[in-house]
N, C-alpha and C. Protein backbone atom coordinates (compact mmCIF):
# COMPACT_ATOMS: atom_id res chain seq x y z
N UNK A 1 85.48 216.29 99.48
CA UNK A 1 84.01 215.53 99.48
C UNK A 1 84.18 214.22 99.20
N UNK A 2 83.59 213.34 100.28
CA UNK A 2 83.50 211.77 99.92
C UNK A 2 82.49 211.60 98.76
N UNK A 3 82.76 210.73 97.83
CA UNK A 3 82.02 210.53 96.66
C UNK A 3 80.40 210.21 96.96
N UNK A 4 80.16 209.56 97.92
CA UNK A 4 78.66 209.33 98.26
C UNK A 4 78.09 210.66 98.66
N UNK A 5 78.90 211.26 99.43
CA UNK A 5 78.27 212.67 99.88
C UNK A 5 78.00 213.64 98.52
N UNK A 6 78.92 213.54 97.52
CA UNK A 6 78.87 214.35 96.40
C UNK A 6 77.69 213.79 95.65
N UNK A 7 77.43 212.52 95.48
CA UNK A 7 76.17 211.92 94.84
C UNK A 7 74.94 212.45 95.51
N UNK A 8 74.78 212.40 96.96
CA UNK A 8 73.83 212.72 97.66
C UNK A 8 73.35 214.27 97.40
N UNK A 9 74.48 215.11 97.14
CA UNK A 9 74.05 216.47 96.78
C UNK A 9 73.78 216.70 95.44
N UNK A 10 74.31 215.98 94.56
CA UNK A 10 73.77 216.07 93.22
C UNK A 10 72.43 215.51 92.96
N UNK A 11 71.98 214.44 93.70
CA UNK A 11 70.72 213.86 93.86
C UNK A 11 69.71 214.95 94.32
N UNK A 12 70.13 215.69 95.37
CA UNK A 12 69.30 216.66 95.89
C UNK A 12 69.15 217.93 95.04
N UNK A 13 70.07 218.25 94.34
CA UNK A 13 70.01 219.35 93.41
C UNK A 13 69.08 218.99 92.11
N UNK A 14 69.16 217.72 91.64
CA UNK A 14 68.42 217.42 90.66
C UNK A 14 66.90 217.39 90.88
N UNK A 15 66.65 217.12 92.20
CA UNK A 15 65.21 216.99 92.77
C UNK A 15 64.68 218.32 92.80
N UNK A 16 65.53 219.35 93.27
CA UNK A 16 65.08 220.78 93.24
C UNK A 16 64.95 221.40 91.86
N UNK A 17 65.87 220.93 91.09
CA UNK A 17 65.75 221.49 89.64
C UNK A 17 64.52 220.85 89.08
N UNK A 18 64.11 219.70 89.24
CA UNK A 18 63.04 219.18 88.61
C UNK A 18 61.62 219.91 88.77
N UNK A 19 61.66 220.64 89.94
CA UNK A 19 60.57 221.34 90.15
C UNK A 19 60.29 222.61 89.23
N UNK A 20 61.28 222.92 88.57
CA UNK A 20 61.17 224.23 87.66
C UNK A 20 60.53 223.82 86.29
N UNK A 21 59.53 224.58 86.00
CA UNK A 21 58.76 224.32 84.68
C UNK A 21 59.51 224.81 83.43
N UNK A 22 60.43 225.75 83.76
CA UNK A 22 61.20 226.34 82.69
C UNK A 22 60.38 227.12 81.80
N UNK A 23 59.46 227.85 82.57
CA UNK A 23 58.43 228.63 81.66
C UNK A 23 58.95 230.21 81.57
N UNK A 24 59.91 230.67 82.28
CA UNK A 24 60.60 232.05 82.21
C UNK A 24 59.90 232.92 82.82
N UNK A 25 58.80 232.69 83.61
CA UNK A 25 58.18 233.85 84.40
C UNK A 25 59.05 234.29 85.52
N UNK A 26 60.11 233.76 85.55
CA UNK A 26 61.14 234.29 86.81
C UNK A 26 61.92 235.17 86.26
N UNK A 27 62.05 235.34 85.00
CA UNK A 27 63.00 236.33 84.43
C UNK A 27 62.79 237.86 84.63
N UNK A 28 61.56 238.10 84.65
CA UNK A 28 61.39 239.53 84.93
C UNK A 28 61.80 240.05 86.31
N UNK A 29 61.68 239.14 87.31
CA UNK A 29 61.90 239.42 88.59
C UNK A 29 63.38 239.05 89.01
N UNK A 30 64.04 238.36 88.21
CA UNK A 30 65.55 237.95 88.59
C UNK A 30 66.46 239.12 88.61
N UNK A 31 67.06 239.39 89.64
CA UNK A 31 68.00 240.57 89.71
C UNK A 31 69.23 240.35 88.87
N UNK A 32 69.78 239.11 88.87
CA UNK A 32 70.87 239.05 88.02
C UNK A 32 70.46 239.03 86.41
N UNK A 33 69.31 238.49 86.05
CA UNK A 33 68.95 238.66 84.70
C UNK A 33 68.75 240.08 84.29
N UNK A 34 68.26 240.88 85.14
CA UNK A 34 67.97 242.22 84.82
C UNK A 34 69.28 242.90 84.74
N UNK A 35 70.26 242.64 85.43
CA UNK A 35 71.61 243.39 85.22
C UNK A 35 72.37 242.90 84.08
N UNK A 36 72.49 241.59 83.87
CA UNK A 36 73.31 241.05 82.81
C UNK A 36 72.39 240.64 81.61
N UNK A 37 71.12 240.57 81.68
CA UNK A 37 70.54 240.27 80.45
C UNK A 37 70.88 238.92 79.86
N UNK A 38 71.47 238.01 80.64
CA UNK A 38 71.94 236.71 80.10
C UNK A 38 71.12 235.68 80.63
N UNK A 39 70.45 234.76 80.15
CA UNK A 39 69.42 233.98 80.52
C UNK A 39 70.43 232.81 81.48
N UNK A 40 71.41 232.47 81.29
CA UNK A 40 72.32 231.61 82.29
C UNK A 40 72.42 232.24 83.71
N UNK A 41 72.11 233.48 83.73
CA UNK A 41 72.41 234.17 84.94
C UNK A 41 71.11 234.09 85.74
N UNK A 42 69.97 233.69 85.13
CA UNK A 42 68.78 233.58 85.80
C UNK A 42 68.45 232.15 86.36
N UNK A 43 67.66 232.04 87.22
CA UNK A 43 67.29 230.79 87.90
C UNK A 43 67.02 229.74 86.83
N UNK A 44 66.27 229.94 85.73
CA UNK A 44 66.08 228.85 84.67
C UNK A 44 67.23 228.46 84.01
N UNK A 45 68.06 229.50 83.67
CA UNK A 45 69.41 229.15 83.25
C UNK A 45 70.46 228.28 84.03
N UNK A 46 70.47 228.67 85.35
CA UNK A 46 71.14 227.83 86.46
C UNK A 46 70.55 226.47 86.51
N UNK A 47 69.23 226.33 86.46
CA UNK A 47 68.52 225.06 86.55
C UNK A 47 68.78 224.16 85.23
N UNK A 48 69.07 224.80 84.14
CA UNK A 48 69.31 223.99 82.93
C UNK A 48 70.76 223.62 83.16
N UNK A 49 71.78 224.37 83.54
CA UNK A 49 73.11 223.99 83.90
C UNK A 49 73.19 222.79 84.93
N UNK A 50 72.57 223.04 85.90
CA UNK A 50 72.60 221.99 87.00
C UNK A 50 71.74 220.59 86.62
N UNK A 51 70.69 220.79 85.79
CA UNK A 51 70.23 219.48 85.29
C UNK A 51 71.03 218.71 84.31
N UNK A 52 72.09 219.30 83.71
CA UNK A 52 72.86 218.66 82.69
C UNK A 52 74.02 217.78 83.50
N UNK A 53 74.03 217.78 84.89
CA UNK A 53 75.05 216.99 85.56
C UNK A 53 74.39 215.58 86.09
């Protein structure tokens, strides 16, 4: 992937992630969190990982 395309993708990801309030209300309905019980598997955990980039 060309560097400016990579930067555009990261910018879009950060925009999407910024909409998450990190309140945790998604945890009870998250199928991955229900199976694994690991917050990093949930949408909130993935958003935390994505926002660190």
